[in-house]
Amino acid sequence: KETSEYVAQYYRDRYGLITNGEEVLSKYPWHEIVWEKF
């Protein structure tokens, strides 16, 4: 949950995407979410 929320914030700040952690978790496999966190 925390990681996906962090990635969602990153997507909002960097790309202007409107998303949230739940959406990130439902769309991407975990290893891709971790990679995006980096």
All heavy atoms as atom14 arrays in JSON, in Angstrom:
{
  "sequence": "KETSEYVAQYYRDRYGLITNGEEVLSKYPWHEIVWEKF",
  "atom14_mask": [
    [1, 1, 1, 1, 1, 1, 1, 1, 1, 0, 0, 0, 0, 0],
    [1, 1, 1, 1, 1, 1, 1, 1, 1, 0, 0, 0, 0, 0],
    [1, 1, 1, 1, 1, 1, 1, 0, 0, 0, 0, 0, 0, 0],
    [1, 1, 1, 1, 1, 1, 0, 0, 0, 0, 0, 0, 0, 0],
    [1, 1, 1, 1, 1, 1, 1, 1, 1, 0, 0, 0, 0, 0],
    [1, 1, 1, 1, 1, 1, 1, 1, 1, 1, 1, 1, 0, 0],
    [1, 1, 1, 1, 1, 1, 1, 0, 0, 0, 0, 0, 0, 0],
    [1, 1, 1, 1, 1, 0, 0, 0, 0, 0, 0, 0, 0, 0],
    [1, 1, 1, 1, 1, 1, 1, 1, 1, 0, 0, 0, 0, 0],
    [1, 1, 1, 1, 1, 1, 1, 1, 1, 1, 1, 1, 0, 0],
    [1, 1, 1, 1, 1, 1, 1, 1, 1, 1, 1, 1, 0, 0],
    [1, 1, 1, 1, 1, 1, 1, 1, 1, 1, 1, 0, 0, 0],
    [1, 1, 1, 1, 1, 1, 1, 1, 0, 0, 0, 0, 0, 0],
    [1, 1, 1, 1, 1, 1, 1, 1, 1, 1, 1, 0, 0, 0],
    [1, 1, 1, 1, 1, 1, 1, 1, 1, 1, 1, 1, 0, 0],
    [1, 1, 1, 1, 0, 0, 0, 0, 0, 0, 0, 0, 0, 0],
    [1, 1, 1, 1, 1, 1, 1, 1, 0, 0, 0, 0, 0, 0],
    [1, 1, 1, 1, 1, 1, 1, 1, 0, 0, 0, 0, 0, 0],
    [1, 1, 1, 1, 1, 1, 1, 0, 0, 0, 0, 0, 0, 0],
    [1, 1, 1, 1, 1, 1, 1, 1, 0, 0, 0, 0, 0, 0],
    [1, 1, 1, 1, 0, 0, 0, 0, 0, 0, 0, 0, 0, 0],
    [1, 1, 1, 1, 1, 1, 1, 1, 1, 0, 0, 0, 0, 0],
    [1, 1, 1, 1, 1, 1, 1, 1, 1, 0, 0, 0, 0, 0],
    [1, 1, 1, 1, 1, 1, 1, 0, 0, 0, 0, 0, 0, 0],
    [1, 1, 1, 1, 1, 1, 1, 1, 0, 0, 0, 0, 0, 0],
    [1, 1, 1, 1, 1, 1, 0, 0, 0, 0, 0, 0, 0, 0],
    [1, 1, 1, 1, 1, 1, 1, 1, 1, 0, 0, 0, 0, 0],
    [1, 1, 1, 1, 1, 1, 1, 1, 1, 1, 1, 1, 0, 0],
    [1, 1, 1, 1, 1, 1, 1, 0, 0, 0, 0, 0, 0, 0],
    [1, 1, 1, 1, 1, 1, 1, 1, 1, 1, 1, 1, 1, 1],
    [1, 1, 1, 1, 1, 1, 1, 1, 1, 1, 0, 0, 0, 0],
    [1, 1, 1, 1, 1, 1, 1, 1, 1, 0, 0, 0, 0, 0],
    [1, 1, 1, 1, 1, 1, 1, 1, 0, 0, 0, 0, 0, 0],
    [1, 1, 1, 1, 1, 1, 1, 0, 0, 0, 0, 0, 0, 0],
    [1, 1, 1, 1, 1, 1, 1, 1, 1, 1, 1, 1, 1, 1],
    [1, 1, 1, 1, 1, 1, 1, 1, 1, 0, 0, 0, 0, 0],
    [1, 1, 1, 1, 1, 1, 1, 1, 1, 0, 0, 0, 0, 0],
    [1, 1, 1, 1, 1, 1, 1, 1, 1, 1, 1, 0, 0, 0]
  ],
  "atom14_positions": [
    [[0.83, -1.21, 0.0], [0.0, 0.0, 0.0], [0.87, 1.26, 0.0], [0.66, 2.16, -0.81], [-0.93, -0.01, 1.21], [-1.9, 1.16, 1.26], [-2.82, 1.03, 2.46], [-3.93, 2.02, 2.46], [-3.61, 3.4, 2.34], [0.0, 0.0, 0.0], [0.0, 0.0, 0.0], [0.0, 0.0, 0.0], [0.0, 0.0, 0.0], [0.0, 0.0, 0.0]],
    [[1.83, 1.32, 0.9], [2.69, 2.49, 0.99], [3.51, 2.69, -0.28], [3.64, 3.8, -0.78], [3.62, 2.38, 2.19], [2.91, 2.51, 3.51], [3.82, 2.27, 4.7], [4.95, 1.76, 4.53], [3.39, 2.59, 5.81], [0.0, 0.0, 0.0], [0.0, 0.0, 0.0], [0.0, 0.0, 0.0], [0.0, 0.0, 0.0], [0.0, 0.0, 0.0]],
    [[4.04, 1.61, -0.81], [4.84, 1.7, -2.02], [4.0, 2.15, -3.2], [4.41, 3.02, -3.97], [5.53, 0.35, -2.32], [6.38, 0.02, -1.21], [6.35, 0.42, -3.59], [0.0, 0.0, 0.0], [0.0, 0.0, 0.0], [0.0, 0.0, 0.0], [0.0, 0.0, 0.0], [0.0, 0.0, 0.0], [0.0, 0.0, 0.0], [0.0, 0.0, 0.0]],
    [[2.82, 1.59, -3.35], [1.96, 1.96, -4.48], [1.5, 3.41, -4.37], [1.39, 4.11, -5.38], [0.78, 1.01, -4.61], [-0.06, 1.08, -3.48], [0.0, 0.0, 0.0], [0.0, 0.0, 0.0], [0.0, 0.0, 0.0], [0.0, 0.0, 0.0], [0.0, 0.0, 0.0], [0.0, 0.0, 0.0], [0.0, 0.0, 0.0], [0.0, 0.0, 0.0]],
    [[1.26, 3.9, -3.16], [0.88, 5.31, -2.98], [2.05, 6.22, -3.34], [1.87, 7.28, -3.94], [0.43, 5.58, -1.54], [-0.93, 5.01, -1.2], [-2.07, 5.64, -1.99], [-1.94, 6.77, -2.51], [-3.12, 4.98, -2.08], [0.0, 0.0, 0.0], [0.0, 0.0, 0.0], [0.0, 0.0, 0.0], [0.0, 0.0, 0.0], [0.0, 0.0, 0.0]],
    [[3.25, 5.82, -2.98], [4.45, 6.59, -3.31], [4.64, 6.67, -4.83], [4.91, 7.73, -5.39], [5.66, 5.94, -2.64], [6.93, 6.76, -2.68], [7.12, 7.82, -1.8], [7.95, 6.46, -3.56], [8.29, 8.57, -1.81], [9.13, 7.2, -3.58], [9.29, 8.25, -2.7], [10.45, 8.99, -2.72], [0.0, 0.0, 0.0], [0.0, 0.0, 0.0]],
    [[4.45, 5.54, -5.5], [4.56, 5.51, -6.96], [3.46, 6.34, -7.6], [3.71, 7.07, -8.57], [4.56, 4.05, -7.46], [4.4, 3.99, -8.98], [5.84, 3.34, -7.03], [0.0, 0.0, 0.0], [0.0, 0.0, 0.0], [0.0, 0.0, 0.0], [0.0, 0.0, 0.0], [0.0, 0.0, 0.0], [0.0, 0.0, 0.0], [0.0, 0.0, 0.0]],
    [[2.26, 6.28, -7.06], [1.16, 7.09, -7.6], [1.49, 8.58, -7.48], [1.24, 9.36, -8.41], [-0.14, 6.76, -6.88], [0.0, 0.0, 0.0], [0.0, 0.0, 0.0], [0.0, 0.0, 0.0], [0.0, 0.0, 0.0], [0.0, 0.0, 0.0], [0.0, 0.0, 0.0], [0.0, 0.0, 0.0], [0.0, 0.0, 0.0], [0.0, 0.0, 0.0]],
    [[2.05, 8.98, -6.35], [2.44, 10.39, -6.17], [3.51, 10.78, -7.19], [3.46, 11.86, -7.78], [2.96, 10.63, -4.75], [3.33, 12.07, -4.47], [2.12, 12.99, -4.54], [1.1, 12.71, -3.92], [2.21, 14.07, -5.29], [0.0, 0.0, 0.0], [0.0, 0.0, 0.0], [0.0, 0.0, 0.0], [0.0, 0.0, 0.0], [0.0, 0.0, 0.0]],
    [[4.45, 9.9, -7.4], [5.5, 10.11, -8.41], [4.88, 10.28, -9.79], [5.23, 11.2, -10.53], [6.47, 8.93, -8.36], [7.35, 8.74, -9.56], [8.32, 9.68, -9.91], [7.24, 7.59, -10.34], [9.15, 9.47, -11.01], [8.07, 7.38, -11.43], [9.03, 8.33, -11.77], [9.84, 8.11, -12.84], [0.0, 0.0, 0.0], [0.0, 0.0, 0.0]],
    [[3.93, 9.44, -10.16], [3.26, 9.56, -11.46], [2.54, 10.9, -11.58], [2.54, 11.52, -12.65], [2.26, 8.43, -11.67], [2.87, 7.08, -11.98], [2.09, 5.93, -11.9], [4.2, 6.93, -12.34], [2.62, 4.69, -12.19], [4.74, 5.69, -12.63], [3.94, 4.57, -12.55], [4.47, 3.34, -12.84], [0.0, 0.0, 0.0], [0.0, 0.0, 0.0]],
    [[1.94, 11.34, -10.5], [1.25, 12.65, -10.52], [2.26, 13.78, -10.7], [2.07, 14.68, -11.53], [0.44, 12.85, -9.24], [-0.79, 11.96, -9.15], [-1.72, 12.34, -8.0], [-1.13, 12.16, -6.68], [-1.19, 11.02, -5.99], [-1.79, 9.96, -6.47], [-0.63, 10.95, -4.79], [0.0, 0.0, 0.0], [0.0, 0.0, 0.0], [0.0, 0.0, 0.0]],
    [[3.35, 13.74, -9.92], [4.33, 14.82, -9.95], [5.16, 14.86, -11.23], [5.41, 15.93, -11.77], [5.28, 14.71, -8.74], [4.58, 14.96, -7.43], [3.46, 15.5, -7.42], [5.17, 14.61, -6.38], [0.0, 0.0, 0.0], [0.0, 0.0, 0.0], [0.0, 0.0, 0.0], [0.0, 0.0, 0.0], [0.0, 0.0, 0.0], [0.0, 0.0, 0.0]],
    [[5.57, 13.72, -11.71], [6.45, 13.69, -12.88], [5.69, 13.77, -14.2], [6.13, 14.45, -15.12], [7.32, 12.43, -12.86], [8.33, 12.43, -14.01], [9.35, 11.35, -13.87], [10.41, 11.53, -14.85], [11.57, 10.91, -14.83], [11.84, 10.07, -13.85], [12.47, 11.13, -15.76], [0.0, 0.0, 0.0], [0.0, 0.0, 0.0], [0.0, 0.0, 0.0]],
    [[4.57, 13.06, -14.28], [3.88, 12.94, -15.56], [2.51, 13.62, -15.61], [1.88, 13.66, -16.65], [3.7, 11.46, -15.93], [4.99, 10.69, -15.96], [5.26, 9.72, -15.0], [5.95, 10.93, -16.94], [6.45, 9.0, -15.02], [7.14, 10.23, -16.97], [7.39, 9.26, -16.01], [8.57, 8.56, -16.02], [0.0, 0.0, 0.0], [0.0, 0.0, 0.0]],
    [[2.05, 14.09, -14.45], [0.73, 14.72, -14.4], [-0.41, 13.72, -14.49], [-1.55, 14.1, -14.79], [0.0, 0.0, 0.0], [0.0, 0.0, 0.0], [0.0, 0.0, 0.0], [0.0, 0.0, 0.0], [0.0, 0.0, 0.0], [0.0, 0.0, 0.0], [0.0, 0.0, 0.0], [0.0, 0.0, 0.0], [0.0, 0.0, 0.0], [0.0, 0.0, 0.0]],
    [[-0.12, 12.45, -14.23], [-1.17, 11.42, -14.3], [-2.04, 11.48, -13.05], [-1.53, 11.62, -11.94], [-0.55, 10.03, -14.42], [0.28, 9.76, -15.67], [0.92, 8.38, -15.59], [-0.58, 9.87, -16.92], [0.0, 0.0, 0.0], [0.0, 0.0, 0.0], [0.0, 0.0, 0.0], [0.0, 0.0, 0.0], [0.0, 0.0, 0.0], [0.0, 0.0, 0.0]],
    [[-3.31, 11.32, -13.24], [-4.23, 11.27, -12.11], [-4.43, 9.8, -11.77], [-5.06, 9.05, -12.52], [-5.58, 11.95, -12.46], [-5.36, 13.37, -12.96], [-6.53, 11.89, -11.27], [-4.63, 14.28, -11.97], [0.0, 0.0, 0.0], [0.0, 0.0, 0.0], [0.0, 0.0, 0.0], [0.0, 0.0, 0.0], [0.0, 0.0, 0.0], [0.0, 0.0, 0.0]],
    [[-3.87, 9.39, -10.65], [-3.94, 7.98, -10.24], [-3.82, 7.9, -8.73], [-3.57, 8.9, -8.06], [-2.85, 7.14, -10.95], [-3.09, 5.76, -10.69], [-1.46, 7.53, -10.49], [0.0, 0.0, 0.0], [0.0, 0.0, 0.0], [0.0, 0.0, 0.0], [0.0, 0.0, 0.0], [0.0, 0.0, 0.0], [0.0, 0.0, 0.0], [0.0, 0.0, 0.0]],
    [[-4.0, 6.72, -8.21], [-3.82, 6.49, -6.77], [-3.19, 5.12, -6.58], [-3.01, 4.36, -7.52], [-5.16, 6.61, -6.03], [-6.19, 5.61, -6.53], [-5.92, 4.42, -6.66], [-7.39, 6.1, -6.81], [0.0, 0.0, 0.0], [0.0, 0.0, 0.0], [0.0, 0.0, 0.0], [0.0, 0.0, 0.0], [0.0, 0.0, 0.0], [0.0, 0.0, 0.0]],
    [[-2.85, 4.82, -5.34], [-2.17, 3.58, -5.05], [-2.95, 2.34, -5.41], [-2.39, 1.36, -5.92], [0.0, 0.0, 0.0], [0.0, 0.0, 0.0], [0.0, 0.0, 0.0], [0.0, 0.0, 0.0], [0.0, 0.0, 0.0], [0.0, 0.0, 0.0], [0.0, 0.0, 0.0], [0.0, 0.0, 0.0], [0.0, 0.0, 0.0], [0.0, 0.0, 0.0]],
    [[-4.25, 2.35, -5.18], [-5.07, 1.18, -5.52], [-5.04, 0.91, -7.02], [-4.96, -0.24, -7.45], [-6.5, 1.39, -5.04], [-6.66, 1.29, -3.56], [-8.1, 1.49, -3.11], [-9.02, 1.35, -3.93], [-8.29, 1.78, -1.91], [0.0, 0.0, 0.0], [0.0, 0.0, 0.0], [0.0, 0.0, 0.0], [0.0, 0.0, 0.0], [0.0, 0.0, 0.0]],
    [[-5.11, 1.97, -7.81], [-5.07, 1.82, -9.26], [-3.71, 1.27, -9.71], [-3.64, 0.39, -10.57], [-5.36, 3.15, -9.94], [-5.47, 3.05, -11.44], [-5.85, 4.36, -12.11], [-5.7, 5.44, -11.47], [-6.28, 4.31, -13.25], [0.0, 0.0, 0.0], [0.0, 0.0, 0.0], [0.0, 0.0, 0.0], [0.0, 0.0, 0.0], [0.0, 0.0, 0.0]],
    [[-2.65, 1.78, -9.11], [-1.31, 1.29, -9.44], [-1.21, -0.2, -9.13], [-0.73, -0.99, -9.95], [-0.22, 2.1, -8.68], [1.14, 1.43, -8.79], [-0.16, 3.53, -9.19], [0.0, 0.0, 0.0], [0.0, 0.0, 0.0], [0.0, 0.0, 0.0], [0.0, 0.0, 0.0], [0.0, 0.0, 0.0], [0.0, 0.0, 0.0], [0.0, 0.0, 0.0]],
    [[-1.71, -0.61, -7.95], [-1.66, -2.04, -7.57], [-2.47, -2.91, -8.51], [-2.1, -4.05, -8.79], [-2.16, -2.23, -6.14], [-1.17, -1.98, -5.03], [-1.85, -2.02, -3.67], [-0.03, -2.97, -5.08], [0.0, 0.0, 0.0], [0.0, 0.0, 0.0], [0.0, 0.0, 0.0], [0.0, 0.0, 0.0], [0.0, 0.0, 0.0], [0.0, 0.0, 0.0]],
    [[-3.58, -2.38, -9.02], [-4.44, -3.19, -9.89], [-3.91, -3.28, -11.32], [-4.23, -4.21, -12.03], [-5.87, -2.64, -9.88], [-5.93, -1.4, -10.56], [0.0, 0.0, 0.0], [0.0, 0.0, 0.0], [0.0, 0.0, 0.0], [0.0, 0.0, 0.0], [0.0, 0.0, 0.0], [0.0, 0.0, 0.0], [0.0, 0.0, 0.0], [0.0, 0.0, 0.0]],
    [[-3.09, -2.31, -11.74], [-2.63, -2.27, -13.13], [-1.27, -2.92, -13.36], [-0.98, -3.36, -14.47], [-2.54, -0.81, -13.61], [-3.86, -0.2, -13.94], [-3.62, 1.17, -14.55], [-4.93, 1.74, -15.07], [-4.73, 3.04, -15.72], [0.0, 0.0, 0.0], [0.0, 0.0, 0.0], [0.0, 0.0, 0.0], [0.0, 0.0, 0.0], [0.0, 0.0, 0.0]],
    [[-0.41, -2.93, -12.35], [0.98, -3.34, -12.56], [1.38, -4.47, -11.63], [0.97, -4.5, -10.46], [1.92, -2.15, -12.34], [1.58, -0.96, -13.2], [0.94, 0.15, -12.66], [1.88, -0.96, -14.55], [0.6, 1.24, -13.45], [1.56, 0.13, -15.35], [0.91, 1.22, -14.8], [0.58, 2.28, -15.59], [0.0, 0.0, 0.0], [0.0, 0.0, 0.0]],
    [[2.23, -5.37, -12.09], [2.76, -6.39, -11.19], [3.7, -5.75, -10.16], [4.29, -4.69, -10.41], [3.51, -7.34, -12.12], [3.75, -6.59, -13.37], [2.73, -5.51, -13.46], [0.0, 0.0, 0.0], [0.0, 0.0, 0.0], [0.0, 0.0, 0.0], [0.0, 0.0, 0.0], [0.0, 0.0, 0.0], [0.0, 0.0, 0.0], [0.0, 0.0, 0.0]],
    [[3.85, -6.43, -9.03], [4.61, -5.87, -7.91], [6.03, -5.49, -8.3], [6.52, -4.43, -7.93], [4.61, -6.86, -6.75], [5.44, -6.41, -5.6], [6.55, -7.02, -5.1], [5.25, -5.23, -4.81], [7.04, -6.3, -4.04], [6.26, -5.2, -3.84], [4.32, -4.21, -4.82], [6.38, -4.18, -2.89], [4.42, -3.19, -3.88], [5.45, -3.19, -2.94]],
    [[6.72, -6.32, -9.06], [8.13, -6.02, -9.38], [8.24, -4.74, -10.2], [9.21, -4.01, -10.06], [8.8, -7.21, -10.08], [8.29, -7.54, -11.43], [7.11, -8.23, -11.62], [8.8, -7.3, -12.66], [6.91, -8.39, -12.91], [7.92, -7.83, -13.57], [0.0, 0.0, 0.0], [0.0, 0.0, 0.0], [0.0, 0.0, 0.0], [0.0, 0.0, 0.0]],
    [[7.25, -4.42, -11.02], [7.29, -3.16, -11.77], [7.01, -1.96, -10.87], [7.57, -0.89, -11.07], [6.29, -3.2, -12.93], [6.72, -4.15, -14.03], [5.73, -4.19, -15.18], [4.86, -3.3, -15.29], [5.82, -5.14, -15.98], [0.0, 0.0, 0.0], [0.0, 0.0, 0.0], [0.0, 0.0, 0.0], [0.0, 0.0, 0.0], [0.0, 0.0, 0.0]],
    [[6.17, -2.15, -9.86], [5.89, -1.08, -8.9], [7.16, -0.76, -8.11], [7.5, 0.41, -7.92], [4.72, -1.47, -7.96], [3.43, -1.6, -8.77], [4.57, -0.44, -6.84], [2.27, -2.2, -8.0], [0.0, 0.0, 0.0], [0.0, 0.0, 0.0], [0.0, 0.0, 0.0], [0.0, 0.0, 0.0], [0.0, 0.0, 0.0], [0.0, 0.0, 0.0]],
    [[7.85, -1.8, -7.66], [9.1, -1.6, -6.92], [10.11, -0.86, -7.8], [10.77, 0.09, -7.36], [9.69, -2.94, -6.43], [11.09, -2.75, -5.88], [8.78, -3.57, -5.4], [0.0, 0.0, 0.0], [0.0, 0.0, 0.0], [0.0, 0.0, 0.0], [0.0, 0.0, 0.0], [0.0, 0.0, 0.0], [0.0, 0.0, 0.0], [0.0, 0.0, 0.0]],
    [[10.2, -1.25, -9.06], [11.14, -0.61, -9.98], [10.8, 0.86, -10.16], [11.68, 1.72, -10.16], [11.13, -1.35, -11.32], [12.42, -1.24, -12.05], [12.64, -0.54, -13.2], [13.67, -1.83, -11.71], [13.95, -0.66, -13.59], [14.6, -1.45, -12.69], [14.09, -2.64, -10.67], [15.93, -1.86, -12.65], [15.4, -3.04, -10.65], [16.3, -2.65, -11.62]],
    [[9.52, 1.17, -10.28], [9.09, 2.57, -10.41], [9.4, 3.35, -9.14], [9.68, 4.55, -9.2], [7.6, 2.65, -10.75], [7.29, 2.24, -12.17], [7.91, 3.15, -13.22], [7.82, 4.38, -13.09], [8.49, 2.61, -14.18], [0.0, 0.0, 0.0], [0.0, 0.0, 0.0], [0.0, 0.0, 0.0], [0.0, 0.0, 0.0], [0.0, 0.0, 0.0]],
    [[9.35, 2.67, -7.99], [9.72, 3.34, -6.73], [11.16, 3.82, -6.78], [11.47, 4.92, -6.32], [9.51, 2.39, -5.55], [9.88, 3.01, -4.21], [9.66, 2.06, -3.06], [10.73, 1.01, -3.04], [10.73, 0.18, -1.84], [0.0, 0.0, 0.0], [0.0, 0.0, 0.0], [0.0, 0.0, 0.0], [0.0, 0.0, 0.0], [0.0, 0.0, 0.0]],
    [[12.04, 3.04, -7.38], [13.43, 3.47, -7.51], [13.56, 4.7, -8.41], [14.33, 5.6, -8.13], [14.3, 2.33, -8.04], [14.35, 1.12, -7.15], [14.5, -0.14, -7.69], [14.24, 1.23, -5.77], [14.55, -1.27, -6.87], [14.28, 0.12, -4.95], [14.44, -1.14, -5.51], [0.0, 0.0, 0.0], [0.0, 0.0, 0.0], [0.0, 0.0, 0.0]]
  ]
}
